[in-house]
Amino acid sequence: MMMTRRVGVVVTSSLLVFFAVVAAVLLFVPAFDHAVFMSIRHGSMGSSSSGAGNNTLTATHRKLLLRATEMDEPNRIPGEKCSKADIVINQGPTGPLPSGIPTYTVEIMNVCASGCDISRIHLTCGWFSSARLVNPRIFKRLHYNDCLVNDGKPLVNGGTLSFQYANTFLYHLSVSSVSCS
């Protein structure tokens, strides 16, 4: 009787582990291709064999990644020449100051697909401050969460402005408003 219980516990534990592994594989394996699974199951994949008796399966189709060859046009109001989506901001860490304060480089780009120059670019920037002087003609905080780019002057189509700032943390910068020139 004791042996039967022990066997039952071992079988139940083994089944639980098996189902846990199957569930983990199905939940955490990204992009599980059910079509490939079904084609393997139904034998619709090609096979080839060599004279030595080794059989190998080859897929009759394959998935290719799409290359982004052209930029998607942002949603625009009819007749609107540009939008704040035409300004792209990239920033990342650079070498620290001699005092050890981290520094960050910011690039602000005009990627307007319709060839427009964009002026009066305002960014949300919190209480932006820097231990390294930033040229106020390129970037300056006017008020809380309002920073002005390029002294309000147009950033030409395809143009990029860059600057560095030093602070203990990276500021989240995003475009709040623009004007088409």
Protein backbone atom coordinates (compact mmCIF):
# COMPACT_ATOMS: atom_id res chain seq x y z
CA MET A 1 0.00 0.00 0.00
CA MET A 2 2.84 2.35 0.87
CA MET A 3 4.60 1.47 -2.40
CA THR A 4 1.45 2.29 -4.41
CA ARG A 5 1.21 5.74 -2.80
CA ARG A 6 4.88 6.40 -3.49
CA VAL A 7 4.48 5.43 -7.15
CA GLY A 8 1.36 7.60 -7.41
CA VAL A 9 3.19 10.60 -5.94
CA VAL A 10 6.11 10.11 -8.33
CA VAL A 11 3.81 9.80 -11.35
CA THR A 12 1.77 12.85 -10.31
CA SER A 13 4.93 14.90 -9.71
CA SER A 14 6.37 13.85 -13.06
CA LEU A 15 3.17 14.86 -14.87
CA LEU A 16 3.12 18.24 -13.13
CA VAL A 17 6.73 18.91 -14.14
CA PHE A 18 5.99 17.82 -17.72
CA PHE A 19 2.97 20.12 -18.04
CA ALA A 20 4.89 23.00 -16.44
CA VAL A 21 7.69 22.61 -19.01
CA VAL A 22 5.20 22.44 -21.91
CA ALA A 23 3.35 25.52 -20.61
CA ALA A 24 6.63 27.43 -20.20
CA VAL A 25 7.71 26.59 -23.73
CA LEU A 26 4.37 27.64 -25.22
CA LEU A 27 4.23 30.85 -23.18
CA PHE A 28 7.82 32.03 -23.41
CA VAL A 29 9.04 30.93 -26.83
CA PRO A 30 8.55 34.04 -28.97
CA ALA A 31 7.05 33.77 -32.42
CA PHE A 32 6.15 30.07 -32.24
CA ASP A 33 5.16 29.43 -35.82
CA HIS A 34 2.08 27.22 -35.76
CA ALA A 35 2.06 26.98 -39.58
CA VAL A 36 5.52 25.38 -39.56
CA PHE A 37 4.43 23.05 -36.77
CA MET A 38 1.36 21.99 -38.73
CA SER A 39 3.37 21.49 -41.93
CA ILE A 40 5.80 19.24 -40.06
CA ARG A 41 2.91 17.37 -38.47
CA HIS A 42 1.13 16.81 -41.79
CA GLY A 43 4.33 16.00 -43.70
CA SER A 44 4.18 18.91 -46.13
CA MET A 45 7.84 19.73 -45.72
CA GLY A 46 10.22 18.42 -48.34
CA SER A 47 12.74 15.77 -47.50
CA SER A 48 15.97 14.73 -49.04
CA SER A 49 18.18 11.80 -48.34
CA SER A 50 21.72 10.92 -49.07
CA GLY A 51 22.96 7.47 -49.94
CA ALA A 52 24.16 6.97 -46.37
CA GLY A 53 20.59 6.82 -45.07
CA ASN A 54 20.58 10.29 -43.42
CA ASN A 55 17.24 11.98 -43.90
CA THR A 56 17.01 15.77 -43.54
CA LEU A 57 13.96 18.00 -43.66
CA THR A 58 13.93 21.21 -45.64
CA ALA A 59 11.26 23.89 -45.35
CA THR A 60 9.29 24.78 -48.46
CA HIS A 61 8.91 28.38 -47.32
CA ARG A 62 10.70 30.89 -45.15
CA LYS A 63 9.88 34.17 -43.50
CA LEU A 64 11.87 37.23 -44.47
CA LEU A 65 12.22 40.42 -42.48
CA LEU A 66 10.88 43.48 -44.21
CA ARG A 67 13.39 46.23 -44.82
CA ALA A 68 12.27 49.74 -43.97
CA THR A 69 13.09 51.45 -47.26
CA GLU A 70 10.90 54.48 -46.87
CA MET A 71 9.76 56.40 -43.84
CA ASP A 72 6.08 56.20 -42.94
CA GLU A 73 4.32 59.50 -43.28
CA PRO A 74 3.00 60.63 -39.89
CA ASN A 75 -0.71 61.27 -39.48
CA ARG A 76 -1.30 64.78 -40.70
CA ILE A 77 -4.27 67.09 -40.84
CA PRO A 78 -4.98 67.78 -44.54
CA GLY A 79 -3.02 70.84 -45.65
CA GLU A 80 -0.64 70.61 -42.67
CA LYS A 81 2.94 71.03 -43.82
CA CYS A 82 4.75 69.57 -40.81
CA SER A 83 4.13 68.18 -37.34
CA LYS A 84 6.03 67.59 -34.12
CA ALA A 85 6.54 63.98 -35.28
CA ASP A 86 9.03 65.43 -37.83
CA ILE A 87 11.47 66.23 -35.02
CA VAL A 88 13.44 63.24 -33.74
CA ILE A 89 15.44 63.40 -30.50
CA ASN A 90 18.24 60.96 -29.70
CA GLN A 91 20.34 61.10 -26.58
CA GLY A 92 22.85 58.88 -24.90
CA PRO A 93 25.63 58.82 -22.34
CA THR A 94 29.14 60.09 -23.09
CA GLY A 95 32.26 60.24 -20.94
CA PRO A 96 31.83 61.83 -17.52
CA LEU A 97 33.26 65.18 -16.49
CA PRO A 98 36.58 65.11 -14.57
CA SER A 99 34.50 65.54 -11.41
CA GLY A 100 32.68 62.28 -12.22
CA ILE A 101 29.33 63.83 -13.19
CA PRO A 102 27.78 61.83 -16.06
CA THR A 103 27.38 63.62 -19.40
CA TYR A 104 24.87 63.05 -22.16
CA THR A 105 24.86 64.01 -25.84
CA VAL A 106 21.57 65.10 -27.41
CA GLU A 107 20.84 65.18 -31.16
CA ILE A 108 17.74 66.96 -32.44
CA MET A 109 16.96 66.21 -36.09
CA ASN A 110 14.45 67.55 -38.61
CA VAL A 111 13.27 64.53 -40.62
CA CYS A 112 10.34 66.23 -42.37
CA ALA A 113 9.48 64.12 -45.42
CA SER A 114 7.81 67.02 -47.25
CA GLY A 115 11.00 69.13 -47.15
CA CYS A 116 9.88 71.67 -44.57
CA ASP A 117 11.98 73.79 -42.23
CA ILE A 118 10.67 73.73 -38.66
CA SER A 119 10.95 76.61 -36.20
CA ARG A 120 9.88 77.43 -32.63
CA ILE A 121 10.68 73.89 -31.47
CA HIS A 122 9.66 73.51 -27.83
CA LEU A 123 10.50 70.43 -25.77
CA THR A 124 9.19 69.09 -22.48
CA CYS A 125 12.28 69.01 -20.28
CA GLY A 126 11.27 69.20 -16.61
CA TRP A 127 13.65 71.34 -14.51
CA PHE A 128 16.48 70.89 -17.03
CA SER A 129 19.87 71.99 -15.72
CA SER A 130 23.46 71.13 -16.51
CA ALA A 131 26.79 71.24 -14.71
CA ARG A 132 28.33 71.89 -18.16
CA LEU A 133 27.37 75.12 -19.93
CA VAL A 134 24.96 74.57 -22.82
CA ASN A 135 24.91 77.26 -25.53
CA PRO A 136 21.56 79.03 -24.95
CA ARG A 137 21.25 79.71 -28.68
CA ILE A 138 21.06 75.96 -29.20
CA PHE A 139 19.04 74.88 -26.15
CA LYS A 140 17.65 76.73 -23.16
CA ARG A 141 15.01 76.21 -20.50
CA LEU A 142 12.40 78.98 -20.53
CA HIS A 143 10.16 77.68 -17.77
CA TYR A 144 9.45 74.40 -16.03
CA ASN A 145 8.94 71.71 -18.71
CA ASP A 146 9.47 74.20 -21.57
CA CYS A 147 12.80 74.32 -23.40
CA LEU A 148 13.47 76.16 -26.66
CA VAL A 149 15.65 74.74 -29.46
CA ASN A 150 17.83 76.83 -31.82
CA ASP A 151 16.68 80.11 -30.25
CA GLY A 152 13.33 79.59 -32.02
CA LYS A 153 14.95 79.84 -35.45
CA PRO A 154 14.19 77.27 -38.18
CA LEU A 155 15.92 73.91 -38.15
CA VAL A 156 16.40 73.23 -41.85
CA ASN A 157 15.09 70.06 -43.45
CA GLY A 158 17.59 67.27 -42.78
CA GLY A 159 19.42 69.43 -40.25
CA THR A 160 20.73 68.27 -36.89
CA LEU A 161 21.60 70.18 -33.73
CA SER A 162 23.60 68.59 -30.96
CA PHE A 163 24.77 69.55 -27.50
CA GLN A 164 26.05 67.95 -24.33
CA TYR A 165 24.83 68.36 -20.79
CA ALA A 166 26.07 67.04 -17.46
CA ASN A 167 23.76 65.89 -14.70
CA THR A 168 23.45 62.94 -12.35
CA PHE A 169 20.55 61.61 -14.46
CA LEU A 170 19.26 61.72 -18.03
CA TYR A 171 16.37 64.11 -18.73
CA HIS A 172 13.43 62.78 -20.72
CA LEU A 173 13.12 65.20 -23.65
CA SER A 174 10.15 65.14 -26.02
CA VAL A 175 8.67 67.59 -28.53
CA SER A 176 5.76 69.61 -27.19
CA SER A 177 5.16 72.06 -30.09
CA VAL A 178 6.60 73.24 -33.41
CA SER A 179 5.85 75.79 -36.14
CA CYS A 180 6.25 75.22 -39.85
CA SER A 181 8.41 77.77 -41.62
